[in-house]
Each structure stands twice: as structure tokens, then as C-alpha cells.
Amino acid sequence: MTDNASGNQNLMAVLAHATVFTGFLFPLIFWLIGKDQSSFADAEGKKAVNFGILVTLGYVAASVLGAIPFIGWLSGIVSAAVFVIAVIFGVQGAVTANRGAAYRYPVTIDLIK
């Protein structure tokens, strides 16, 4: 296999990790596109989707918190914290996947195996 073919297989894994800050939808799309291209894209896409589900739950929790009187202002802080953490881990995952190595998120839930 040539380096170009390997790079194309890694692309879906990189995109899945890079878009994890949006929640689970974009990583899910990239995983579904790439899972049949290579086992690497399949494995990394699953990890990104699982972390994306956790990020989505964080955004939902921040929204629910915003509806609670007197402490609703914490919603912005929680939402910003989830966003920053997701961007940091997503970039780390994308860079690692671009090198062709597996990435493991420090905190995740394994719903898709």
C-alpha cells in the first residue's frame, strides 16, 4: 500500500477526531463513511463517536443547568469547559490519527464497540 492510500484511510479518522467538539453527529458521519475503508478508520471513528456522545451529554447538561433559577449562569461556564476540553482532546486525537497511531481519550463512554 502506498503512503497516499494510507493517508486517505487516515483522513476519515482524522476528521472524526477533529470534529468531536461539535458533539456526536459529525464524528458519526465520518465514521460511517470511513469504517469500510480501513480497520484503523473504523476503530478511531468509534472512539471519536463515543467521545462525541459524552460531549453532547455535556452540552445537554449545560443547557439543563441554564434552566435552573439562581444557578443558571453556570451554564455558560460548563458549556465553555466542555467545548475547550473537546477541542483539546479532538486536536490531540486528530494529530495522533494523522500519524497513523491509535488515540485513546482520557475520559469516554464506550457505547459503540
C-alpha atoms as a PDB file:
ATOM      1  CA  MET A   1       0.000   0.000   0.000  1.00  0.00           C
ATOM      2  CA  THR A   2       1.329   3.445  -0.850  1.00  0.00           C
ATOM      3  CA  ASP A   3       1.612   6.337   1.561  1.00  0.00           C
ATOM      4  CA  ASN A   4      -1.137   8.175  -0.326  1.00  0.00           C
ATOM      5  CA  ALA A   5      -3.569   5.291   0.167  1.00  0.00           C
ATOM      6  CA  SER A   6      -2.667   5.154   3.850  1.00  0.00           C
ATOM      7  CA  GLY A   7      -3.249   8.899   4.144  1.00  0.00           C
ATOM      8  CA  ASN A   8      -6.677   8.582   2.564  1.00  0.00           C
ATOM      9  CA  GLN A   9      -7.594   5.857   5.044  1.00  0.00           C
ATOM     10  CA  ASN A  10      -6.418   8.022   7.926  1.00  0.00           C
ATOM     11  CA  LEU A  11      -8.402  11.025   6.669  1.00  0.00           C
ATOM     12  CA  MET A  12     -11.768   9.826   7.963  1.00  0.00           C
ATOM     13  CA  ALA A  13     -10.243   9.042  11.370  1.00  0.00           C
ATOM     14  CA  VAL A  14      -8.609  12.484  11.481  1.00  0.00           C
ATOM     15  CA  LEU A  15     -11.861  14.218  10.527  1.00  0.00           C
ATOM     16  CA  ALA A  16     -13.834  12.224  13.100  1.00  0.00           C
ATOM     17  CA  HIS A  17     -11.457  13.295  15.867  1.00  0.00           C
ATOM     18  CA  ALA A  18     -11.200  16.884  14.613  1.00  0.00           C
ATOM     19  CA  THR A  19     -14.978  17.422  14.693  1.00  0.00           C
ATOM     20  CA  VAL A  20     -15.665  15.850  18.078  1.00  0.00           C
ATOM     21  CA  PHE A  21     -16.214  19.290  19.669  1.00  0.00           C
ATOM     22  CA  THR A  22     -19.496  19.546  17.726  1.00  0.00           C
ATOM     23  CA  GLY A  23     -20.975  16.548  19.501  1.00  0.00           C
ATOM     24  CA  PHE A  24     -21.508  13.111  18.016  1.00  0.00           C
ATOM     25  CA  LEU A  25     -23.126  13.882  14.633  1.00  0.00           C
ATOM     26  CA  PHE A  26     -20.079  14.834  12.524  1.00  0.00           C
ATOM     27  CA  PRO A  27     -17.835  12.125  14.003  1.00  0.00           C
ATOM     28  CA  LEU A  28     -20.662   9.662  13.315  1.00  0.00           C
ATOM     29  CA  ILE A  29     -20.848  10.749   9.674  1.00  0.00           C
ATOM     30  CA  PHE A  30     -17.086  10.452   9.184  1.00  0.00           C
ATOM     31  CA  TRP A  31     -17.022   7.077  10.938  1.00  0.00           C
ATOM     32  CA  LEU A  32     -19.849   5.739   8.760  1.00  0.00           C
ATOM     33  CA  ILE A  33     -18.033   6.912   5.634  1.00  0.00           C
ATOM     34  CA  GLY A  34     -14.628   5.561   6.690  1.00  0.00           C
ATOM     35  CA  LYS A  35     -15.447   2.360   8.561  1.00  0.00           C
ATOM     36  CA  ASP A  36     -15.412   0.253   5.400  1.00  0.00           C
ATOM     37  CA  GLN A  37     -12.212   1.858   4.088  1.00  0.00           C
ATOM     38  CA  SER A  38      -9.928   0.520   6.809  1.00  0.00           C
ATOM     39  CA  SER A  39      -9.963  -1.082  10.235  1.00  0.00           C
ATOM     40  CA  PHE A  40      -7.989   1.911  11.536  1.00  0.00           C
ATOM     41  CA  ALA A  41     -10.685   4.388  10.429  1.00  0.00           C
ATOM     42  CA  ASP A  42     -13.313   2.077  11.932  1.00  0.00           C
ATOM     43  CA  ALA A  43     -11.607   1.845  15.333  1.00  0.00           C
ATOM     44  CA  GLU A  44     -10.712   5.527  15.575  1.00  0.00           C
ATOM     45  CA  GLY A  45     -14.135   6.606  14.329  1.00  0.00           C
ATOM     46  CA  LYS A  46     -15.811   4.565  17.059  1.00  0.00           C
ATOM     47  CA  LYS A  47     -13.646   6.239  19.681  1.00  0.00           C
ATOM     48  CA  ALA A  48     -14.496   9.681  18.315  1.00  0.00           C
ATOM     49  CA  VAL A  49     -18.232   8.919  18.219  1.00  0.00           C
ATOM     50  CA  ASN A  50     -18.153   7.634  21.800  1.00  0.00           C
ATOM     51  CA  PHE A  51     -16.380  10.763  22.991  1.00  0.00           C
ATOM     52  CA  GLY A  52     -18.753  12.876  20.877  1.00  0.00           C
ATOM     53  CA  ILE A  53     -21.683  11.306  22.730  1.00  0.00           C
ATOM     54  CA  LEU A  54     -20.064  12.337  26.014  1.00  0.00           C
ATOM     55  CA  VAL A  55     -19.544  15.875  24.668  1.00  0.00           C
ATOM     56  CA  THR A  56     -23.189  16.018  23.585  1.00  0.00           C
ATOM     57  CA  LEU A  57     -24.258  14.941  27.078  1.00  0.00           C
ATOM     58  CA  GLY A  58     -22.092  17.742  28.497  1.00  0.00           C
ATOM     59  CA  TYR A  59     -23.787  20.303  26.243  1.00  0.00           C
ATOM     60  CA  VAL A  60     -27.228  18.966  27.224  1.00  0.00           C
ATOM     61  CA  ALA A  61     -26.315  19.112  30.911  1.00  0.00           C
ATOM     62  CA  ALA A  62     -25.187  22.720  30.464  1.00  0.00           C
ATOM     63  CA  SER A  63     -28.494  23.560  28.798  1.00  0.00           C
ATOM     64  CA  VAL A  64     -30.500  21.939  31.585  1.00  0.00           C
ATOM     65  CA  LEU A  65     -28.394  23.792  34.142  1.00  0.00           C
ATOM     66  CA  GLY A  66     -29.268  27.033  32.374  1.00  0.00           C
ATOM     67  CA  ALA A  67     -32.952  26.485  33.099  1.00  0.00           C
ATOM     68  CA  ILE A  68     -32.444  26.297  36.854  1.00  0.00           C
ATOM     69  CA  PRO A  69     -33.086  29.592  38.672  1.00  0.00           C
ATOM     70  CA  PHE A  70     -30.208  31.240  40.556  1.00  0.00           C
ATOM     71  CA  ILE A  71     -27.538  28.880  39.193  1.00  0.00           C
ATOM     72  CA  GLY A  72     -28.394  29.083  35.514  1.00  0.00           C
ATOM     73  CA  TRP A  73     -25.428  31.375  34.929  1.00  0.00           C
ATOM     74  CA  LEU A  74     -23.177  28.328  35.441  1.00  0.00           C
ATOM     75  CA  SER A  75     -24.487  27.014  32.129  1.00  0.00           C
ATOM     76  CA  GLY A  76     -22.113  29.227  30.165  1.00  0.00           C
ATOM     77  CA  ILE A  77     -19.123  28.114  32.203  1.00  0.00           C
ATOM     78  CA  VAL A  78     -19.979  24.416  31.864  1.00  0.00           C
ATOM     79  CA  SER A  79     -20.640  24.760  28.142  1.00  0.00           C
ATOM     80  CA  ALA A  80     -17.338  26.600  27.607  1.00  0.00           C
ATOM     81  CA  ALA A  81     -15.448  23.999  29.642  1.00  0.00           C
ATOM     82  CA  VAL A  82     -16.942  21.141  27.622  1.00  0.00           C
ATOM     83  CA  PHE A  83     -16.069  22.950  24.386  1.00  0.00           C
ATOM     84  CA  VAL A  84     -12.448  23.636  25.391  1.00  0.00           C
ATOM     85  CA  ILE A  85     -11.885  20.074  26.622  1.00  0.00           C
ATOM     86  CA  ALA A  86     -13.432  18.644  23.450  1.00  0.00           C
ATOM     87  CA  VAL A  87     -11.272  20.853  21.225  1.00  0.00           C
ATOM     88  CA  ILE A  88      -8.077  19.911  23.092  1.00  0.00           C
ATOM     89  CA  PHE A  89      -8.761  16.161  23.029  1.00  0.00           C
ATOM     90  CA  GLY A  90     -10.099  16.317  19.476  1.00  0.00           C
ATOM     91  CA  VAL A  91      -6.952  18.029  18.192  1.00  0.00           C
ATOM     92  CA  GLN A  92      -4.769  15.524  20.057  1.00  0.00           C
ATOM     93  CA  GLY A  93      -6.762  12.678  18.527  1.00  0.00           C
ATOM     94  CA  ALA A  94      -6.598  14.158  15.022  1.00  0.00           C
ATOM     95  CA  VAL A  95      -2.835  14.685  15.198  1.00  0.00           C
ATOM     96  CA  THR A  96      -2.294  11.169  16.537  1.00  0.00           C
ATOM     97  CA  ALA A  97      -4.572   9.621  13.902  1.00  0.00           C
ATOM     98  CA  ASN A  98      -2.819  11.602  11.181  1.00  0.00           C
ATOM     99  CA  ARG A  99       0.421   9.866  12.193  1.00  0.00           C
ATOM    100  CA  GLY A 100      -1.371   6.518  11.884  1.00  0.00           C
ATOM    101  CA  ALA A 101      -1.324   5.783  15.605  1.00  0.00           C
ATOM    102  CA  ALA A 102      -4.290   4.913  17.802  1.00  0.00           C
ATOM    103  CA  TYR A 103      -5.585   7.557  20.216  1.00  0.00           C
ATOM    104  CA  ARG A 104      -7.400   6.911  23.470  1.00  0.00           C
ATOM    105  CA  TYR A 105      -9.491   9.660  25.022  1.00  0.00           C
ATOM    106  CA  PRO A 106      -8.725  10.126  28.741  1.00  0.00           C
ATOM    107  CA  VAL A 107     -12.451  10.183  29.560  1.00  0.00           C
ATOM    108  CA  THR A 108     -15.075   8.451  27.474  1.00  0.00           C
ATOM    109  CA  ILE A 109     -18.032   6.091  27.493  1.00  0.00           C
ATOM    110  CA  ASP A 110     -17.932   3.021  25.271  1.00  0.00           C
ATOM    111  CA  LEU A 111     -21.419   2.768  23.822  1.00  0.00           C
ATOM    112  CA  ILE A 112     -20.257   1.767  20.338  1.00  0.00           C
ATOM    113  CA  LYS A 113     -17.876  -1.171  20.397  1.00  0.00           C
END
